[in-house]
Amino acid sequence: MAYEHKPGQGSAFINRDKKEDWHAEFKGDVMLPDGTIHWLEVTPKKTQAGDDFYKVKIGGVKVSRGSAHSEAKSNGYQPKPQVQPQVAAPDDDIPW
């Protein structure tokens, strides 16, 4: 059984592609309440007093080979259709 996203929940895993110190320690994704799946980055930090905490960053919409889109659809999220602008036909019967 595959992991199924639920609104307001996500997951993060160790970032095995980390090449620089500023790259996130953990990466994953999270489903927002509107049903869209976004990138998630989690980095452990320390306060000046020495207390541990986690910095969490939610990025843009995650699109990967249609899986995020189809997964979001299975959870009841229906994407908005893209609207094409309609251009009115020129009026040929205007005398001027």
PDB file of N, CA and C in Angstrom:
ATOM      1  N   MET A   1       0.843  -1.175   0.000  1.00  0.00           N
ATOM      2  CA  MET A   1       0.000   0.000   0.000  1.00  0.00           C
ATOM      3  C   MET A   1       0.888   1.238   0.000  1.00  0.00           C
ATOM      4  N   ALA A   2       0.655   2.136  -0.919  1.00  0.00           N
ATOM      5  CA  ALA A   2       1.444   3.359  -1.044  1.00  0.00           C
ATOM      6  C   ALA A   2       0.973   4.399  -0.035  1.00  0.00           C
ATOM      7  N   TYR A   3       1.888   5.299   0.306  1.00  0.00           N
ATOM      8  CA  TYR A   3       1.556   6.386   1.231  1.00  0.00           C
ATOM      9  C   TYR A   3       0.523   7.291   0.578  1.00  0.00           C
ATOM     10  N   GLU A   4      -0.531   7.582   1.285  1.00  0.00           N
ATOM     11  CA  GLU A   4      -1.600   8.428   0.753  1.00  0.00           C
ATOM     12  C   GLU A   4      -1.623   9.747   1.510  1.00  0.00           C
ATOM     13  N   HIS A   5      -1.482  10.840   0.773  1.00  0.00           N
ATOM     14  CA  HIS A   5      -1.497  12.162   1.393  1.00  0.00           C
ATOM     15  C   HIS A   5      -2.892  12.496   1.894  1.00  0.00           C
ATOM     16  N   LYS A   6      -2.933  13.205   3.006  1.00  0.00           N
ATOM     17  CA  LYS A   6      -4.185  13.728   3.552  1.00  0.00           C
ATOM     18  C   LYS A   6      -3.984  15.214   3.770  1.00  0.00           C
ATOM     19  N   PRO A   7      -5.020  16.036   3.600  1.00  0.00           N
ATOM     20  CA  PRO A   7      -4.861  17.482   3.780  1.00  0.00           C
ATOM     21  C   PRO A   7      -4.276  17.818   5.154  1.00  0.00           C
ATOM     22  N   GLY A   8      -3.280  18.693   5.153  1.00  0.00           N
ATOM     23  CA  GLY A   8      -2.646  19.122   6.383  1.00  0.00           C
ATOM     24  C   GLY A   8      -1.543  18.197   6.869  1.00  0.00           C
ATOM     25  N   GLN A   9      -1.201  17.164   6.090  1.00  0.00           N
ATOM     26  CA  GLN A   9      -0.164  16.222   6.505  1.00  0.00           C
ATOM     27  C   GLN A   9       0.878  16.054   5.406  1.00  0.00           C
ATOM     28  N   GLY A  10       2.057  15.609   5.794  1.00  0.00           N
ATOM     29  CA  GLY A  10       3.114  15.380   4.830  1.00  0.00           C
ATOM     30  C   GLY A  10       4.177  14.484   5.421  1.00  0.00           C
ATOM     31  N   SER A  11       5.272  14.351   4.701  1.00  0.00           N
ATOM     32  CA  SER A  11       6.378  13.522   5.173  1.00  0.00           C
ATOM     33  C   SER A  11       7.684  14.114   4.670  1.00  0.00           C
ATOM     34  N   ALA A  12       8.755  13.871   5.419  1.00  0.00           N
ATOM     35  CA  ALA A  12      10.090  14.324   5.034  1.00  0.00           C
ATOM     36  C   ALA A  12      11.083  13.207   5.305  1.00  0.00           C
ATOM     37  N   PHE A  13      12.062  13.067   4.422  1.00  0.00           N
ATOM     38  CA  PHE A  13      13.069  12.029   4.518  1.00  0.00           C
ATOM     39  C   PHE A  13      14.452  12.661   4.437  1.00  0.00           C
ATOM     40  N   ILE A  14      15.464  11.945   4.861  1.00  0.00           N
ATOM     41  CA  ILE A  14      16.831  12.453   4.806  1.00  0.00           C
ATOM     42  C   ILE A  14      17.170  12.830   3.371  1.00  0.00           C
ATOM     43  N   ASN A  15      17.754  14.016   3.205  1.00  0.00           N
ATOM     44  CA  ASN A  15      18.125  14.521   1.890  1.00  0.00           C
ATOM     45  C   ASN A  15      19.456  13.894   1.478  1.00  0.00           C
ATOM     46  N   ARG A  16      19.395  12.859   0.647  1.00  0.00           N
ATOM     47  CA  ARG A  16      20.604  12.162   0.212  1.00  0.00           C
ATOM     48  C   ARG A  16      21.346  12.927  -0.888  1.00  0.00           C
ATOM     49  N   ASP A  17      20.706  13.969  -1.450  1.00  0.00           N
ATOM     50  CA  ASP A  17      21.331  14.786  -2.495  1.00  0.00           C
ATOM     51  C   ASP A  17      21.984  16.044  -1.931  1.00  0.00           C
ATOM     52  N   LYS A  18      22.088  16.161  -0.626  1.00  0.00           N
ATOM     53  CA  LYS A  18      22.653  17.354   0.008  1.00  0.00           C
ATOM     54  C   LYS A  18      24.123  17.492  -0.365  1.00  0.00           C
ATOM     55  N   LYS A  19      24.469  18.629  -0.991  1.00  0.00           N
ATOM     56  CA  LYS A  19      25.843  18.858  -1.431  1.00  0.00           C
ATOM     57  C   LYS A  19      26.462  20.078  -0.742  1.00  0.00           C
ATOM     58  N   GLU A  20      25.643  21.006  -0.287  1.00  0.00           N
ATOM     59  CA  GLU A  20      26.115  22.232   0.357  1.00  0.00           C
ATOM     60  C   GLU A  20      25.576  22.296   1.780  1.00  0.00           C
ATOM     61  N   ASP A  21      26.256  23.039   2.644  1.00  0.00           N
ATOM     62  CA  ASP A  21      25.813  23.169   4.030  1.00  0.00           C
ATOM     63  C   ASP A  21      24.436  23.799   4.153  1.00  0.00           C
ATOM     64  N   TRP A  22      24.084  24.700   3.222  1.00  0.00           N
ATOM     65  CA  TRP A  22      22.807  25.400   3.310  1.00  0.00           C
ATOM     66  C   TRP A  22      21.637  24.577   2.780  1.00  0.00           C
ATOM     67  N   HIS A  23      21.896  23.422   2.160  1.00  0.00           N
ATOM     68  CA  HIS A  23      20.811  22.552   1.700  1.00  0.00           C
ATOM     69  C   HIS A  23      20.077  21.960   2.902  1.00  0.00           C
ATOM     70  N   ALA A  24      18.791  21.706   2.729  1.00  0.00           N
ATOM     71  CA  ALA A  24      17.962  21.173   3.814  1.00  0.00           C
ATOM     72  C   ALA A  24      18.406  19.756   4.194  1.00  0.00           C
ATOM     73  N   GLU A  25      18.333  19.458   5.477  1.00  0.00           N
ATOM     74  CA  GLU A  25      18.702  18.141   5.992  1.00  0.00           C
ATOM     75  C   GLU A  25      17.653  17.083   5.599  1.00  0.00           C
ATOM     76  N   PHE A  26      16.387  17.500   5.565  1.00  0.00           N
ATOM     77  CA  PHE A  26      15.281  16.609   5.204  1.00  0.00           C
ATOM     78  C   PHE A  26      14.459  17.254   4.102  1.00  0.00           C
ATOM     79  N   LYS A  27      13.964  16.446   3.162  1.00  0.00           N
ATOM     80  CA  LYS A  27      13.094  16.940   2.091  1.00  0.00           C
ATOM     81  C   LYS A  27      11.890  16.021   1.967  1.00  0.00           C
ATOM     82  N   GLY A  28      10.789  16.588   1.503  1.00  0.00           N
ATOM     83  CA  GLY A  28       9.596  15.785   1.318  1.00  0.00           C
ATOM     84  C   GLY A  28       8.496  16.621   0.701  1.00  0.00           C
ATOM     85  N   ASP A  29       7.267  16.279   1.040  1.00  0.00           N
ATOM     86  CA  ASP A  29       6.136  17.036   0.530  1.00  0.00           C
ATOM     87  C   ASP A  29       5.009  17.028   1.550  1.00  0.00           C
ATOM     88  N   VAL A  30       4.102  17.981   1.371  1.00  0.00           N
ATOM     89  CA  VAL A  30       2.980  18.151   2.290  1.00  0.00           C
ATOM     90  C   VAL A  30       1.751  18.537   1.462  1.00  0.00           C
ATOM     91  N   MET A  31       0.584  18.016   1.855  1.00  0.00           N
ATOM     92  CA  MET A  31      -0.650  18.389   1.182  1.00  0.00           C
ATOM     93  C   MET A  31      -1.325  19.481   2.011  1.00  0.00           C
ATOM     94  N   LEU A  32      -1.565  20.621   1.386  1.00  0.00           N
ATOM     95  CA  LEU A  32      -2.238  21.723   2.058  1.00  0.00           C
ATOM     96  C   LEU A  32      -3.735  21.451   2.120  1.00  0.00           C
ATOM     97  N   PRO A  33      -4.477  22.185   2.963  1.00  0.00           N
ATOM     98  CA  PRO A  33      -5.921  21.945   3.087  1.00  0.00           C
ATOM     99  C   PRO A  33      -6.701  22.078   1.775  1.00  0.00           C
ATOM    100  N   ASP A  34      -6.165  22.851   0.802  1.00  0.00           N
ATOM    101  CA  ASP A  34      -6.868  22.986  -0.476  1.00  0.00           C
ATOM    102  C   ASP A  34      -6.618  21.811  -1.416  1.00  0.00           C
ATOM    103  N   GLY A  35      -5.785  20.846  -0.997  1.00  0.00           N
ATOM    104  CA  GLY A  35      -5.558  19.648  -1.794  1.00  0.00           C
ATOM    105  C   GLY A  35      -4.318  19.690  -2.664  1.00  0.00           C
ATOM    106  N   THR A  36      -3.585  20.802  -2.676  1.00  0.00           N
ATOM    107  CA  THR A  36      -2.373  20.876  -3.487  1.00  0.00           C
ATOM    108  C   THR A  36      -1.195  20.331  -2.701  1.00  0.00           C
ATOM    109  N   ILE A  37      -0.291  19.658  -3.406  1.00  0.00           N
ATOM    110  CA  ILE A  37       0.897  19.081  -2.788  1.00  0.00           C
ATOM    111  C   ILE A  37       2.074  20.014  -3.051  1.00  0.00           C
ATOM    112  N   HIS A  38       2.774  20.389  -1.971  1.00  0.00           N
ATOM    113  CA  HIS A  38       3.888  21.332  -2.059  1.00  0.00           C
ATOM    114  C   HIS A  38       5.164  20.689  -1.530  1.00  0.00           C
ATOM    115  N   TRP A  39       6.315  21.234  -1.991  1.00  0.00           N
ATOM    116  CA  TRP A  39       7.608  20.803  -1.497  1.00  0.00           C
ATOM    117  C   TRP A  39       7.732  21.157  -0.029  1.00  0.00           C
ATOM    118  N   LEU A  40       8.484  20.365   0.705  1.00  0.00           N
ATOM    119  CA  LEU A  40       8.725  20.590   2.125  1.00  0.00           C
ATOM    120  C   LEU A  40      10.210  20.399   2.413  1.00  0.00           C
ATOM    121  N   GLU A  41      10.810  21.348   3.144  1.00  0.00           N
ATOM    122  CA  GLU A  41      12.195  21.228   3.568  1.00  0.00           C
ATOM    123  C   GLU A  41      12.247  21.436   5.077  1.00  0.00           C
ATOM    124  N   VAL A  42      12.996  20.584   5.773  1.00  0.00           N
ATOM    125  CA  VAL A  42      13.118  20.662   7.228  1.00  0.00           C
ATOM    126  C   VAL A  42      14.605  20.663   7.578  1.00  0.00           C
ATOM    127  N   THR A  43      15.014  21.632   8.403  1.00  0.00           N
ATOM    128  CA  THR A  43      16.406  21.748   8.807  1.00  0.00           C
ATOM    129  C   THR A  43      16.495  21.896  10.320  1.00  0.00           C
ATOM    130  N   PRO A  44      17.244  21.036  11.000  1.00  0.00           N
ATOM    131  CA  PRO A  44      17.418  21.200  12.444  1.00  0.00           C
ATOM    132  C   PRO A  44      18.294  22.416  12.735  1.00  0.00           C
ATOM    133  N   LYS A  45      17.930  23.190  13.754  1.00  0.00           N
ATOM    134  CA  LYS A  45      18.653  24.411  14.138  1.00  0.00           C
ATOM    135  C   LYS A  45      18.789  24.466  15.648  1.00  0.00           C
ATOM    136  N   LYS A  46      19.579  25.418  16.131  1.00  0.00           N
ATOM    137  CA  LYS A  46      19.716  25.679  17.559  1.00  0.00           C
ATOM    138  C   LYS A  46      19.523  27.170  17.806  1.00  0.00           C
ATOM    139  N   THR A  47      18.848  27.493  18.904  1.00  0.00           N
ATOM    140  CA  THR A  47      18.705  28.897  19.290  1.00  0.00           C
ATOM    141  C   THR A  47      20.020  29.350  19.913  1.00  0.00           C
ATOM    142  N   GLN A  48      20.145  30.659  20.157  1.00  0.00           N
ATOM    143  CA  GLN A  48      21.357  31.179  20.802  1.00  0.00           C
ATOM    144  C   GLN A  48      21.495  30.633  22.217  1.00  0.00           C
ATOM    145  N   ALA A  49      20.374  30.258  22.829  1.00  0.00           N
ATOM    146  CA  ALA A  49      20.403  29.691  24.173  1.00  0.00           C
ATOM    147  C   ALA A  49      20.764  28.199  24.150  1.00  0.00           C
ATOM    148  N   GLY A  50      20.851  27.603  22.942  1.00  0.00           N
ATOM    149  CA  GLY A  50      21.230  26.197  22.829  1.00  0.00           C
ATOM    150  C   GLY A  50      20.068  25.232  22.699  1.00  0.00           C
ATOM    151  N   ASP A  51      18.835  25.755  22.617  1.00  0.00           N
ATOM    152  CA  ASP A  51      17.660  24.891  22.460  1.00  0.00           C
ATOM    153  C   ASP A  51      17.526  24.430  21.008  1.00  0.00           C
ATOM    154  N   ASP A  52      17.131  23.181  20.806  1.00  0.00           N
ATOM    155  CA  ASP A  52      16.933  22.625  19.471  1.00  0.00           C
ATOM    156  C   ASP A  52      15.544  22.986  18.943  1.00  0.00           C
ATOM    157  N   PHE A  53      15.465  23.243  17.636  1.00  0.00           N
ATOM    158  CA  PHE A  53      14.184  23.428  16.960  1.00  0.00           C
ATOM    159  C   PHE A  53      14.360  23.049  15.493  1.00  0.00           C
ATOM    160  N   TYR A  54      13.270  22.987  14.749  1.00  0.00           N
ATOM    161  CA  TYR A  54      13.305  22.646  13.329  1.00  0.00           C
ATOM    162  C   TYR A  54      12.755  23.795  12.508  1.00  0.00           C
ATOM    163  N   LYS A  55      13.505  24.213  11.512  1.00  0.00           N
ATOM    164  CA  LYS A  55      13.055  25.231  10.568  1.00  0.00           C
ATOM    165  C   LYS A  55      12.338  24.490   9.442  1.00  0.00           C
ATOM    166  N   VAL A  56      11.102  24.895   9.147  1.00  0.00           N
ATOM    167  CA  VAL A  56      10.296  24.231   8.125  1.00  0.00           C
ATOM    168  C   VAL A  56       9.986  25.230   7.022  1.00  0.00           C
ATOM    169  N   LYS A  57      10.189  24.811   5.786  1.00  0.00           N
ATOM    170  CA  LYS A  57       9.914  25.662   4.628  1.00  0.00           C
ATOM    171  C   LYS A  57       8.991  24.906   3.679  1.00  0.00           C
ATOM    172  N   ILE A  58       7.870  25.549   3.313  1.00  0.00           N
ATOM    173  CA  ILE A  58       6.947  24.967   2.330  1.00  0.00           C
ATOM    174  C   ILE A  58       7.145  25.730   1.035  1.00  0.00           C
ATOM    175  N   GLY A  59       7.487  25.008  -0.019  1.00  0.00           N
ATOM    176  CA  GLY A  59       7.765  25.621  -1.309  1.00  0.00           C
ATOM    177  C   GLY A  59       6.560  25.607  -2.228  1.00  0.00           C
ATOM    178  N   GLY A  60       6.827  25.775  -3.502  1.00  0.00           N
ATOM    179  CA  GLY A  60       5.785  25.819  -4.518  1.00  0.00           C
ATOM    180  C   GLY A  60       5.134  24.466  -4.744  1.00  0.00           C
ATOM    181  N   VAL A  61       4.155  24.447  -5.628  1.00  0.00           N
ATOM    182  CA  VAL A  61       3.422  23.221  -5.940  1.00  0.00           C
ATOM    183  C   VAL A  61       4.376  22.203  -6.551  1.00  0.00           C
ATOM    184  N   LYS A  62       4.294  20.983  -6.060  1.00  0.00           N
ATOM    185  CA  LYS A  62       5.155  19.901  -6.536  1.00  0.00           C
ATOM    186  C   LYS A  62       4.468  19.192  -7.696  1.00  0.00           C
ATOM    187  N   VAL A  63       5.150  19.115  -8.821  1.00  0.00           N
ATOM    188  CA  VAL A  63       4.628  18.404  -9.982  1.00  0.00           C
ATOM    189  C   VAL A  63       5.719  17.451 -10.443  1.00  0.00           C
ATOM    190  N   SER A  64       5.439  16.156 -10.361  1.00  0.00           N
ATOM    191  CA  SER A  64       6.432  15.188 -10.804  1.00  0.00           C
ATOM    192  C   SER A  64       5.759  14.061 -11.572  1.00  0.00           C
ATOM    193  N   ARG A  65       5.932  14.063 -12.849  1.00  0.00           N
ATOM    194  CA  ARG A  65       5.427  13.010 -13.744  1.00  0.00           C
ATOM    195  C   ARG A  65       3.951  12.705 -13.552  1.00  0.00           C
ATOM    196  N   GLY A  66       3.160  13.712 -13.183  1.00  0.00           N
ATOM    197  CA  GLY A  66       1.719  13.524 -13.062  1.00  0.00           C
ATOM    198  C   GLY A  66       1.284  12.821 -11.805  1.00  0.00           C
ATOM    199  N   SER A  67       2.209  12.270 -11.016  1.00  0.00           N
ATOM    200  CA  SER A  67       1.809  11.512  -9.834  1.00  0.00           C
ATOM    201  C   SER A  67       1.164  12.413  -8.788  1.00  0.00           C
ATOM    202  N   ALA A  68       1.701  13.595  -8.589  1.00  0.00           N
ATOM    203  CA  ALA A  68       1.136  14.500  -7.589  1.00  0.00           C
ATOM    204  C   ALA A  68      -0.261  14.932  -8.008  1.00  0.00           C
ATOM    205  N   HIS A  69      -0.432  15.161  -9.309  1.00  0.00           N
ATOM    206  CA  HIS A  69      -1.734  15.595  -9.805  1.00  0.00           C
ATOM    207  C   HIS A  69      -2.767  14.490  -9.656  1.00  0.00           C
ATOM    208  N   SER A  70      -2.392  13.268 -10.039  1.00  0.00           N
ATOM    209  CA  SER A  70      -3.344  12.166  -9.943  1.00  0.00           C
ATOM    210  C   SER A  70      -3.593  11.791  -8.488  1.00  0.00           C
ATOM    211  N   GLU A  71      -2.574  11.930  -7.641  1.00  0.00           N
ATOM    212  CA  GLU A  71      -2.744  11.629  -6.221  1.00  0.00           C
ATOM    213  C   GLU A  71      -3.671  12.649  -5.575  1.00  0.00           C
ATOM    214  N   ALA A  72      -3.514  13.915  -5.951  1.00  0.00           N
ATOM    215  CA  ALA A  72      -4.390  14.952  -5.406  1.00  0.00           C
ATOM    216  C   ALA A  72      -5.821  14.723  -5.866  1.00  0.00           C
ATOM    217  N   LYS A  73      -6.000  14.265  -7.114  1.00  0.00           N
ATOM    218  CA  LYS A  73      -7.348  13.984  -7.619  1.00  0.00           C
ATOM    219  C   LYS A  73      -8.010  12.871  -6.820  1.00  0.00           C
ATOM    220  N   SER A  74      -7.219  11.848  -6.442  1.00  0.00           N
ATOM    221  CA  SER A  74      -7.794  10.726  -5.709  1.00  0.00           C
ATOM    222  C   SER A  74      -8.270  11.136  -4.316  1.00  0.00           C
ATOM    223  N   ASN A  75      -7.793  12.270  -3.822  1.00  0.00           N
ATOM    224  CA  ASN A  75      -8.213  12.772  -2.518  1.00  0.00           C
ATOM    225  C   ASN A  75      -9.338  13.790  -2.632  1.00  0.00           C
ATOM    226  N   GLY A  76      -9.981  13.876  -3.779  1.00  0.00           N
ATOM    227  CA  GLY A  76     -11.120  14.764  -3.941  1.00  0.00           C
ATOM    228  C   GLY A  76     -10.775  16.124  -4.504  1.00  0.00           C
ATOM    229  N   TYR A  77      -9.510  16.399  -4.738  1.00  0.00           N
ATOM    230  CA  TYR A  77      -9.111  17.696  -5.289  1.00  0.00           C
ATOM    231  C   TYR A  77      -9.299  17.675  -6.796  1.00  0.00           C
ATOM    232  N   GLN A  78     -10.053  18.610  -7.305  1.00  0.00           N
ATOM    233  CA  GLN A  78     -10.248  18.737  -8.740  1.00  0.00           C
ATOM    234  C   GLN A  78      -9.564  20.016  -9.207  1.00  0.00           C
ATOM    235  N   PRO A  79      -8.562  19.915 -10.081  1.00  0.00           N
ATOM    236  CA  PRO A  79      -7.879  21.125 -10.533  1.00  0.00           C
ATOM    237  C   PRO A  79      -8.810  22.009 -11.342  1.00  0.00           C
ATOM    238  N   LYS A  80      -8.575  23.304 -11.248  1.00  0.00           N
ATOM    239  CA  LYS A  80      -9.380  24.253 -12.007  1.00  0.00           C
ATOM    240  C   LYS A  80      -8.975  24.170 -13.472  1.00  0.00           C
ATOM    241  N   PRO A  81      -9.955  24.106 -14.374  1.00  0.00           N
ATOM    242  CA  PRO A  81      -9.598  24.077 -15.790  1.00  0.00           C
ATOM    243  C   PRO A  81      -9.016  25.415 -16.210  1.00  0.00           C
ATOM    244  N   GLN A  82      -8.055  25.356 -17.114  1.00  0.00           N
ATOM    245  CA  GLN A  82      -7.468  26.598 -17.588  1.00  0.00           C
ATOM    246  C   GLN A  82      -8.423  27.239 -18.574  1.00  0.00           C
ATOM    247  N   VAL A  83      -8.722  28.490 -18.346  1.00  0.00           N
ATOM    248  CA  VAL A  83      -9.688  29.220 -19.168  1.00  0.00           C
ATOM    249  C   VAL A  83      -8.944  29.925 -20.293  1.00  0.00           C
ATOM    250  N   GLN A  84      -9.411  29.701 -21.512  1.00  0.00           N
ATOM    251  CA  GLN A  84      -8.841  30.371 -22.669  1.00  0.00           C
ATOM    252  C   GLN A  84      -9.633  31.647 -22.925  1.00  0.00           C
ATOM    253  N   PRO A  85      -8.946  32.778 -23.152  1.00  0.00           N
ATOM    254  CA  PRO A  85      -9.678  34.018 -23.418  1.00  0.00           C
ATOM    255  C   PRO A  85     -10.443  33.916 -24.728  1.00  0.00           C
ATOM    256  N   GLN A  86     -11.646  34.434 -24.710  1.00  0.00           N
ATOM    257  CA  GLN A  86     -12.466  34.424 -25.917  1.00  0.00           C
ATOM    258  C   GLN A  86     -12.430  35.814 -26.537  1.00  0.00           C
ATOM    259  N   VAL A  87     -12.058  35.839 -27.800  1.00  0.00           N
ATOM    260  CA  VAL A  87     -11.982  37.104 -28.517  1.00  0.00           C
ATOM    261  C   VAL A  87     -13.241  37.223 -29.364  1.00  0.00           C
ATOM    262  N   ALA A  88     -13.925  38.359 -29.202  1.00  0.00           N
ATOM    263  CA  ALA A  88     -15.148  38.574 -29.973  1.00  0.00           C
ATOM    264  C   ALA A  88     -14.807  38.715 -31.453  1.00  0.00           C
ATOM    265  N   ALA A  89     -15.665  38.160 -32.292  1.00  0.00           N
ATOM    266  CA  ALA A  89     -15.474  38.266 -33.736  1.00  0.00           C
ATOM    267  C   ALA A  89     -15.715  39.711 -34.163  1.00  0.00           C
ATOM    268  N   PRO A  90     -14.943  40.185 -35.123  1.00  0.00           N
ATOM    269  CA  PRO A  90     -15.147  41.573 -35.570  1.00  0.00           C
ATOM    270  C   PRO A  90     -16.523  41.725 -36.219  1.00  0.00           C
ATOM    271  N   ASP A  91     -17.138  42.845 -35.946  1.00  0.00           N
ATOM    272  CA  ASP A  91     -18.455  43.114 -36.531  1.00  0.00           C
ATOM    273  C   ASP A  91     -18.280  43.675 -37.929  1.00  0.00           C
ATOM    274  N   ASP A  92     -18.659  42.901 -38.949  1.00  0.00           N
ATOM    275  CA  ASP A  92     -18.506  43.316 -40.344  1.00  0.00           C
ATOM    276  C   ASP A  92     -19.637  44.223 -40.795  1.00  0.00           C
ATOM    277  N   ASP A  93     -20.731  44.247 -40.031  1.00  0.00           N
ATOM    278  CA  ASP A  93     -21.855  45.037 -40.484  1.00  0.00           C
ATOM    279  C   ASP A  93     -21.802  46.498 -39.988  1.00  0.00           C
ATOM    280  N   ILE A  94     -20.750  46.893 -39.311  1.00  0.00           N
ATOM    281  CA  ILE A  94     -20.622  48.293 -38.877  1.00  0.00           C
ATOM    282  C   ILE A  94     -20.134  49.105 -40.066  1.00  0.00           C
ATOM    283  N   PRO A  95     -20.841  50.183 -40.412  1.00  0.00           N
ATOM    284  CA  PRO A  95     -20.515  50.922 -41.640  1.00  0.00           C
ATOM    285  C   PRO A  95     -19.226  51.742 -41.565  1.00  0.00           C
ATOM    286  N   TRP A  96     -18.726  52.085 -40.449  1.00  0.00           N
ATOM    287  CA  TRP A  96     -17.532  52.933 -40.447  1.00  0.00           C
ATOM    288  C   TRP A  96     -16.298  52.159 -40.276  1.00  0.00           C
TER     289      TRP A  96
END
